[in-house]
Amino acid sequence: MAEAAIFPAKVRDRAGKGAARAVRREGLVPGVIYGDGKDPQTISIDPRLIMKQLQIGALFNTIYTIDVEGGKKEKALPRDVQFHPVSDAPLHIDFMRLKKGSKINVNIPVHFINEDKCPGIEDGGVLTVQRDEVELLCPVEDIPHEVICDLTGYEIGATIRISMVQLPEGTEPVIQDRDFVVASIADPVISEAVDEDEEDADAVDGEEEEGEGDSEEESEE
């Protein structure tokens, strides 16, 4: 389980859009801690802490200790961040309290290893990733930082399904009704043909859009 440094936070006495805007004017991000049968706690956090964790890909699968001013500390997992549509700056963050002994759905990044031991890639095949993260049901005390997918031994044409991936102990896929594909080793010829088809389709779409634009201009004139 990844457990990061403490997140210092200030208490917000007021909730609502007006109060949230006031927090942002101070250069902070409004947030809330909820769950575990307790009252929600409105807080504000330094946006640099959020962005740093987002950049290293750890925010949504890391348990943080929220150090609320006044000495109160809460262990919580980030569940949602709202972003500005233009600047991508964080506008609001939700944390969920974790109840000991419970389980939670978490999206865990997939890390592929041993490409140099994959005959398919050595022979020119292309690793095609269908899922760069998988949603797992995890114990709150032991949320994994990543899922390791070992490519050792896979030939061109191989399809790697979730049942073929060694999941962290105590976890299981949230999707149980099918053995979904995580990745495949594609034939380079087929991969190139697919890329060319996509490029041709994009070109046709572009020509159609230009034609539509011309007809609109003519009608306006």
C-alpha atoms as a PDB file:
ATOM      1  CA  MET A   1       0.000   0.000   0.000  1.00  0.00           C
ATOM      2  CA  ALA A   2       1.210   3.476  -0.863  1.00  0.00           C
ATOM      3  CA  GLU A   3       0.926   5.852   2.067  1.00  0.00           C
ATOM      4  CA  ALA A   4       2.076   9.388   1.352  1.00  0.00           C
ATOM      5  CA  ALA A   5       3.117  12.260   3.551  1.00  0.00           C
ATOM      6  CA  ILE A   6       0.564  14.203   5.512  1.00  0.00           C
ATOM      7  CA  PHE A   7      -1.732  16.621   3.687  1.00  0.00           C
ATOM      8  CA  PRO A   8      -2.059  19.775   5.832  1.00  0.00           C
ATOM      9  CA  ALA A   9      -5.576  21.205   5.586  1.00  0.00           C
ATOM     10  CA  LYS A  10      -7.527  24.152   6.913  1.00  0.00           C
ATOM     11  CA  VAL A  11     -11.064  23.909   8.235  1.00  0.00           C
ATOM     12  CA  ARG A  12     -13.786  25.618   6.203  1.00  0.00           C
ATOM     13  CA  ASP A  13     -16.656  26.837   8.347  1.00  0.00           C
ATOM     14  CA  ARG A  14     -18.972  27.454   5.407  1.00  0.00           C
ATOM     15  CA  ALA A  15     -20.017  25.284   2.465  1.00  0.00           C
ATOM     16  CA  GLY A  16     -21.524  26.272  -0.862  1.00  0.00           C
ATOM     17  CA  LYS A  17     -20.387  27.914  -4.090  1.00  0.00           C
ATOM     18  CA  GLY A  18     -19.727  31.323  -2.568  1.00  0.00           C
ATOM     19  CA  ALA A  19     -17.546  29.883   0.178  1.00  0.00           C
ATOM     20  CA  ALA A  20     -15.673  27.718  -2.340  1.00  0.00           C
ATOM     21  CA  ARG A  21     -14.949  30.738  -4.555  1.00  0.00           C
ATOM     22  CA  ALA A  22     -13.594  32.603  -1.534  1.00  0.00           C
ATOM     23  CA  VAL A  23     -11.230  29.701  -0.795  1.00  0.00           C
ATOM     24  CA  ARG A  24      -9.959  29.717  -4.383  1.00  0.00           C
ATOM     25  CA  ARG A  25      -9.297  33.455  -4.184  1.00  0.00           C
ATOM     26  CA  GLU A  26      -6.949  32.646  -1.302  1.00  0.00           C
ATOM     27  CA  GLY A  27      -5.028  30.293  -3.610  1.00  0.00           C
ATOM     28  CA  LEU A  28      -6.357  27.104  -2.017  1.00  0.00           C
ATOM     29  CA  VAL A  29      -8.553  24.237  -3.218  1.00  0.00           C
ATOM     30  CA  PRO A  30     -11.840  23.559  -1.400  1.00  0.00           C
ATOM     31  CA  GLY A  31     -12.521  19.964  -0.460  1.00  0.00           C
ATOM     32  CA  VAL A  32     -14.575  17.663   1.711  1.00  0.00           C
ATOM     33  CA  ILE A  33     -13.897  14.553   3.789  1.00  0.00           C
ATOM     34  CA  TYR A  34     -16.891  12.217   4.021  1.00  0.00           C
ATOM     35  CA  GLY A  35     -17.867   8.646   4.888  1.00  0.00           C
ATOM     36  CA  ASP A  36     -17.569   6.122   7.734  1.00  0.00           C
ATOM     37  CA  GLY A  37     -20.887   7.286   9.180  1.00  0.00           C
ATOM     38  CA  LYS A  38     -19.463  10.643  10.271  1.00  0.00           C
ATOM     39  CA  ASP A  39     -20.448  14.176   9.370  1.00  0.00           C
ATOM     40  CA  PRO A  40     -18.695  15.638   6.313  1.00  0.00           C
ATOM     41  CA  GLN A  41     -15.760  17.930   7.080  1.00  0.00           C
ATOM     42  CA  THR A  42     -15.188  20.822   4.684  1.00  0.00           C
ATOM     43  CA  ILE A  43     -11.520  21.705   4.218  1.00  0.00           C
ATOM     44  CA  SER A  44      -9.111  23.628   1.993  1.00  0.00           C
ATOM     45  CA  ILE A  45      -5.754  22.344   0.671  1.00  0.00           C
ATOM     46  CA  ASP A  46      -2.703  23.715  -1.117  1.00  0.00           C
ATOM     47  CA  PRO A  47      -3.188  22.888  -4.838  1.00  0.00           C
ATOM     48  CA  ARG A  48       0.529  22.159  -5.247  1.00  0.00           C
ATOM     49  CA  LEU A  49       0.171  19.070  -3.055  1.00  0.00           C
ATOM     50  CA  ILE A  50      -2.636  17.763  -5.254  1.00  0.00           C
ATOM     51  CA  MET A  51      -0.815  18.455  -8.529  1.00  0.00           C
ATOM     52  CA  LYS A  52       2.379  16.779  -7.322  1.00  0.00           C
ATOM     53  CA  GLN A  53       0.526  13.560  -6.519  1.00  0.00           C
ATOM     54  CA  LEU A  54      -1.377  13.698  -9.810  1.00  0.00           C
ATOM     55  CA  GLN A  55       1.848  14.080 -11.780  1.00  0.00           C
ATOM     56  CA  ILE A  56       3.379  10.940 -10.282  1.00  0.00           C
ATOM     57  CA  GLY A  57       0.136   9.002 -10.765  1.00  0.00           C
ATOM     58  CA  ALA A  58      -0.359   8.264  -7.083  1.00  0.00           C
ATOM     59  CA  LEU A  59      -3.311  10.418  -6.054  1.00  0.00           C
ATOM     60  CA  PHE A  60      -6.204   7.995  -6.442  1.00  0.00           C
ATOM     61  CA  ASN A  61      -4.571   4.860  -5.037  1.00  0.00           C
ATOM     62  CA  THR A  62      -2.795   6.382  -2.053  1.00  0.00           C
ATOM     63  CA  ILE A  63      -4.114   6.729   1.481  1.00  0.00           C
ATOM     64  CA  TYR A  64      -3.363  10.177   2.891  1.00  0.00           C
ATOM     65  CA  THR A  65      -3.362  11.454   6.440  1.00  0.00           C
ATOM     66  CA  ILE A  66      -5.292  14.708   6.318  1.00  0.00           C
ATOM     67  CA  ASP A  67      -3.889  16.887   9.099  1.00  0.00           C
ATOM     68  CA  VAL A  68      -6.738  19.285   9.774  1.00  0.00           C
ATOM     69  CA  GLU A  69      -5.786  22.394  11.724  1.00  0.00           C
ATOM     70  CA  GLY A  70      -6.540  21.984  15.388  1.00  0.00           C
ATOM     71  CA  GLY A  71      -4.827  18.616  15.699  1.00  0.00           C
ATOM     72  CA  LYS A  72      -7.453  16.377  14.091  1.00  0.00           C
ATOM     73  CA  LYS A  73      -6.069  13.779  11.660  1.00  0.00           C
ATOM     74  CA  GLU A  74      -8.091  11.658   9.244  1.00  0.00           C
ATOM     75  CA  LYS A  75      -6.935   8.813   7.004  1.00  0.00           C
ATOM     76  CA  ALA A  76      -8.692   9.170   3.676  1.00  0.00           C
ATOM     77  CA  LEU A  77      -8.519   8.251  -0.001  1.00  0.00           C
ATOM     78  CA  PRO A  78      -9.068  10.840  -2.765  1.00  0.00           C
ATOM     79  CA  ARG A  79     -12.140   9.866  -4.806  1.00  0.00           C
ATOM     80  CA  ASP A  80     -12.709  12.786  -7.153  1.00  0.00           C
ATOM     81  CA  VAL A  81     -11.034  15.973  -8.356  1.00  0.00           C
ATOM     82  CA  GLN A  82     -12.804  18.632 -10.409  1.00  0.00           C
ATOM     83  CA  PHE A  83     -10.647  20.644 -12.815  1.00  0.00           C
ATOM     84  CA  HIS A  84     -10.959  24.030 -14.511  1.00  0.00           C
ATOM     85  CA  PRO A  85     -11.989  23.400 -18.156  1.00  0.00           C
ATOM     86  CA  VAL A  86      -9.298  25.733 -19.541  1.00  0.00           C
ATOM     87  CA  SER A  87      -6.385  25.848 -17.096  1.00  0.00           C
ATOM     88  CA  ASP A  88      -6.771  22.283 -15.718  1.00  0.00           C
ATOM     89  CA  ALA A  89      -6.198  23.697 -12.237  1.00  0.00           C
ATOM     90  CA  PRO A  90      -7.897  21.662  -9.473  1.00  0.00           C
ATOM     91  CA  LEU A  91     -11.158  23.270  -8.353  1.00  0.00           C
ATOM     92  CA  HIS A  92     -12.400  20.808  -5.734  1.00  0.00           C
ATOM     93  CA  ILE A  93     -11.312  17.523  -4.174  1.00  0.00           C
ATOM     94  CA  ASP A  94     -13.297  14.802  -2.387  1.00  0.00           C
ATOM     95  CA  PHE A  95     -11.745  12.482   0.196  1.00  0.00           C
ATOM     96  CA  MET A  96     -13.425   9.367   1.577  1.00  0.00           C
ATOM     97  CA  ARG A  97     -12.732   8.166   5.103  1.00  0.00           C
ATOM     98  CA  LEU A  98     -11.650   4.544   5.301  1.00  0.00           C
ATOM     99  CA  LYS A  99     -13.293   2.089   7.654  1.00  0.00           C
ATOM    100  CA  LYS A 100     -10.913  -0.545   8.988  1.00  0.00           C
ATOM    101  CA  GLY A 101     -11.659  -4.021   7.657  1.00  0.00           C
ATOM    102  CA  SER A 102     -13.673  -2.824   4.672  1.00  0.00           C
ATOM    103  CA  LYS A 103     -12.924  -3.061   0.951  1.00  0.00           C
ATOM    104  CA  ILE A 104     -13.054  -0.401  -1.732  1.00  0.00           C
ATOM    105  CA  ASN A 105     -13.032  -0.180  -5.537  1.00  0.00           C
ATOM    106  CA  VAL A 106      -9.832   1.498  -6.752  1.00  0.00           C
ATOM    107  CA  ASN A 107      -8.382   2.009 -10.237  1.00  0.00           C
ATOM    108  CA  ILE A 108      -4.829   0.635 -10.117  1.00  0.00           C
ATOM    109  CA  PRO A 109      -2.237   1.427 -12.845  1.00  0.00           C
ATOM    110  CA  VAL A 110      -0.872  -1.520 -14.850  1.00  0.00           C
ATOM    111  CA  HIS A 111       2.915  -1.698 -15.234  1.00  0.00           C
ATOM    112  CA  PHE A 112       4.277  -3.949 -17.988  1.00  0.00           C
ATOM    113  CA  ILE A 113       7.642  -5.614 -17.382  1.00  0.00           C
ATOM    114  CA  ASN A 114      10.111  -7.894 -19.181  1.00  0.00           C
ATOM    115  CA  GLU A 115       9.541  -6.664 -22.728  1.00  0.00           C
ATOM    116  CA  ASP A 116      13.073  -7.918 -23.446  1.00  0.00           C
ATOM    117  CA  LYS A 117      11.913 -11.429 -22.503  1.00  0.00           C
ATOM    118  CA  CYS A 118       8.841 -11.320 -24.760  1.00  0.00           C
ATOM    119  CA  PRO A 119       9.504 -13.280 -27.995  1.00  0.00           C
ATOM    120  CA  GLY A 120       6.641 -11.504 -29.737  1.00  0.00           C
ATOM    121  CA  ILE A 121       8.158  -8.071 -29.156  1.00  0.00           C
ATOM    122  CA  GLU A 122      11.656  -9.350 -29.948  1.00  0.00           C
ATOM    123  CA  ASP A 123      10.291 -10.557 -33.315  1.00  0.00           C
ATOM    124  CA  GLY A 124       8.855  -7.130 -34.118  1.00  0.00           C
ATOM    125  CA  GLY A 125       5.421  -7.470 -32.558  1.00  0.00           C
ATOM    126  CA  VAL A 126       3.692  -4.463 -31.024  1.00  0.00           C
ATOM    127  CA  LEU A 127       2.447  -4.312 -27.434  1.00  0.00           C
ATOM    128  CA  THR A 128      -1.125  -3.049 -27.679  1.00  0.00           C
ATOM    129  CA  VAL A 129      -2.422  -1.932 -24.281  1.00  0.00           C
ATOM    130  CA  GLN A 130      -6.192  -2.176 -23.861  1.00  0.00           C
ATOM    131  CA  ARG A 131      -6.196  -1.114 -20.212  1.00  0.00           C
ATOM    132  CA  ASP A 132      -3.488   0.976 -18.595  1.00  0.00           C
ATOM    133  CA  GLU A 133      -5.329   0.602 -15.301  1.00  0.00           C
ATOM    134  CA  VAL A 134      -7.748  -1.934 -13.856  1.00  0.00           C
ATOM    135  CA  GLU A 135     -10.452  -1.469 -11.239  1.00  0.00           C
ATOM    136  CA  LEU A 136      -9.845  -3.765  -8.288  1.00  0.00           C
ATOM    137  CA  LEU A 137     -11.689  -4.470  -5.064  1.00  0.00           C
ATOM    138  CA  CYS A 138      -9.010  -3.882  -2.430  1.00  0.00           C
ATOM    139  CA  PRO A 139      -8.775  -4.062   1.368  1.00  0.00           C
ATOM    140  CA  VAL A 140      -8.460  -0.506   2.660  1.00  0.00           C
ATOM    141  CA  GLU A 141      -5.427  -1.481   4.734  1.00  0.00           C
ATOM    142  CA  ASP A 142      -3.536  -2.744   1.688  1.00  0.00           C
ATOM    143  CA  ILE A 143      -4.270  -0.818  -1.511  1.00  0.00           C
ATOM    144  CA  PRO A 144      -1.621  -1.728  -4.112  1.00  0.00           C
ATOM    145  CA  HIS A 145       0.368   0.946  -5.889  1.00  0.00           C
ATOM    146  CA  GLU A 146       0.394  -0.942  -9.210  1.00  0.00           C
ATOM    147  CA  VAL A 147      -0.488  -4.173 -10.989  1.00  0.00           C
ATOM    148  CA  ILE A 148       2.474  -5.944 -12.599  1.00  0.00           C
ATOM    149  CA  CYS A 149       1.871  -7.583 -15.986  1.00  0.00           C
ATOM    150  CA  ASP A 150       4.797  -9.853 -16.889  1.00  0.00           C
ATOM    151  CA  LEU A 151       5.298 -10.167 -20.670  1.00  0.00           C
ATOM    152  CA  THR A 152       7.775 -13.043 -20.421  1.00  0.00           C
ATOM    153  CA  GLY A 153       7.166 -15.752 -23.027  1.00  0.00           C
ATOM    154  CA  TYR A 154       4.325 -14.171 -25.003  1.00  0.00           C
ATOM    155  CA  GLU A 155       4.418 -14.657 -28.790  1.00  0.00           C
ATOM    156  CA  ILE A 156       2.954 -12.516 -31.591  1.00  0.00           C
ATOM    157  CA  GLY A 157      -0.828 -12.920 -31.535  1.00  0.00           C
ATOM    158  CA  ALA A 158      -0.993 -13.497 -27.783  1.00  0.00           C
ATOM    159  CA  THR A 159      -3.897 -11.981 -25.880  1.00  0.00           C
ATOM    160  CA  ILE A 160      -3.297 -11.227 -22.201  1.00  0.00           C
ATOM    161  CA  ARG A 161      -6.491 -11.433 -20.156  1.00  0.00           C
ATOM    162  CA  ILE A 162      -7.009 -10.390 -16.563  1.00  0.00           C
ATOM    163  CA  SER A 163      -6.989 -14.042 -15.426  1.00  0.00           C
ATOM    164  CA  MET A 164      -3.417 -14.300 -16.768  1.00  0.00           C
ATOM    165  CA  VAL A 165      -2.179 -11.384 -14.648  1.00  0.00           C
ATOM    166  CA  GLN A 166      -0.892 -12.001 -11.120  1.00  0.00           C
ATOM    167  CA  LEU A 167      -2.983  -9.623  -9.032  1.00  0.00           C
ATOM    168  CA  PRO A 168      -1.803  -8.266  -5.676  1.00  0.00           C
ATOM    169  CA  GLU A 169      -2.769 -10.452  -2.737  1.00  0.00           C
ATOM    170  CA  GLY A 170      -6.223  -9.789  -1.333  1.00  0.00           C
ATOM    171  CA  THR A 171      -7.525  -8.028  -4.454  1.00  0.00           C
ATOM    172  CA  GLU A 172      -9.924  -9.086  -7.199  1.00  0.00           C
ATOM    173  CA  PRO A 173     -11.278  -7.479 -10.380  1.00  0.00           C
ATOM    174  CA  VAL A 174     -14.480  -5.493  -9.980  1.00  0.00           C
ATOM    175  CA  ILE A 175     -15.590  -6.848 -13.380  1.00  0.00           C
ATOM    176  CA  GLN A 176     -16.470 -10.483 -12.742  1.00  0.00           C
ATOM    177  CA  ASP A 177     -18.757 -11.357 -15.656  1.00  0.00           C
ATOM    178  CA  ARG A 178     -15.992 -11.641 -18.264  1.00  0.00           C
ATOM    179  CA  ASP A 179     -12.282 -12.342 -18.585  1.00  0.00           C
ATOM    180  CA  PHE A 180     -11.419  -8.969 -20.107  1.00  0.00           C
ATOM    181  CA  VAL A 181      -8.349  -8.183 -22.203  1.00  0.00           C
ATOM    182  CA  VAL A 182      -5.543  -6.166 -20.642  1.00  0.00           C
ATOM    183  CA  ALA A 183      -3.118  -6.186 -23.590  1.00  0.00           C
ATOM    184  CA  SER A 184      -2.064  -8.111 -26.680  1.00  0.00           C
ATOM    185  CA  ILE A 185       1.035  -8.658 -28.808  1.00  0.00           C
ATOM    186  CA  ALA A 186      -0.041  -7.591 -32.295  1.00  0.00           C
ATOM    187  CA  ASP A 187       1.485  -8.565 -35.625  1.00  0.00           C
ATOM    188  CA  PRO A 188       3.348  -5.448 -36.877  1.00  0.00           C
ATOM    189  CA  VAL A 189       1.746  -5.759 -40.342  1.00  0.00           C
ATOM    190  CA  ILE A 190      -1.758  -5.805 -38.866  1.00  0.00           C
ATOM    191  CA  SER A 191      -0.889  -2.939 -36.523  1.00  0.00           C
ATOM    192  CA  GLU A 192       0.363  -0.819 -39.437  1.00  0.00           C
ATOM    193  CA  ALA A 193      -2.767  -1.612 -41.479  1.00  0.00           C
ATOM    194  CA  VAL A 194      -4.996  -0.487 -38.604  1.00  0.00           C
ATOM    195  CA  ASP A 195      -3.027   2.759 -38.280  1.00  0.00           C
ATOM    196  CA  GLU A 196      -3.376   3.418 -42.021  1.00  0.00           C
ATOM    197  CA  ASP A 197      -7.131   2.752 -41.907  1.00  0.00           C
ATOM    198  CA  GLU A 198      -7.472   5.219 -39.032  1.00  0.00           C
ATOM    199  CA  GLU A 199      -5.488   7.845 -40.954  1.00  0.00           C
ATOM    200  CA  ASP A 200      -7.660   7.318 -44.062  1.00  0.00           C
ATOM    201  CA  ALA A 201     -10.819   7.634 -41.966  1.00  0.00           C
ATOM    202  CA  ASP A 202      -9.535  10.862 -40.406  1.00  0.00           C
ATOM    203  CA  ALA A 203      -8.749  12.251 -43.865  1.00  0.00           C
ATOM    204  CA  VAL A 204     -12.261  11.430 -45.132  1.00  0.00           C
ATOM    205  CA  ASP A 205     -13.818  13.036 -42.065  1.00  0.00           C
ATOM    206  CA  GLY A 206     -11.727  16.149 -42.660  1.00  0.00           C
ATOM    207  CA  GLU A 207     -12.850  16.381 -46.297  1.00  0.00           C
ATOM    208  CA  GLU A 208     -16.498  15.999 -45.296  1.00  0.00           C
ATOM    209  CA  GLU A 209     -16.169  18.743 -42.685  1.00  0.00           C
ATOM    210  CA  GLU A 210     -14.613  21.076 -45.273  1.00  0.00           C
ATOM    211  CA  GLY A 211     -17.473  20.365 -47.673  1.00  0.00           C
ATOM    212  CA  GLU A 212     -20.042  21.098 -44.996  1.00  0.00           C
ATOM    213  CA  GLY A 213     -18.276  24.339 -44.165  1.00  0.00           C
ATOM    214  CA  ASP A 214     -18.349  25.455 -47.821  1.00  0.00           C
ATOM    215  CA  SER A 215     -22.069  24.794 -48.142  1.00  0.00           C
ATOM    216  CA  GLU A 216     -22.772  26.757 -44.957  1.00  0.00           C
ATOM    217  CA  GLU A 217     -20.772  29.723 -46.230  1.00  0.00           C
ATOM    218  CA  GLU A 218     -22.644  29.660 -49.554  1.00  0.00           C
ATOM    219  CA  SER A 219     -26.031  29.587 -47.816  1.00  0.00           C
ATOM    220  CA  GLU A 220     -25.094  32.554 -45.601  1.00  0.00           C
ATOM    221  CA  GLU A 221     -24.052  34.559 -48.627  1.00  0.00           C
END
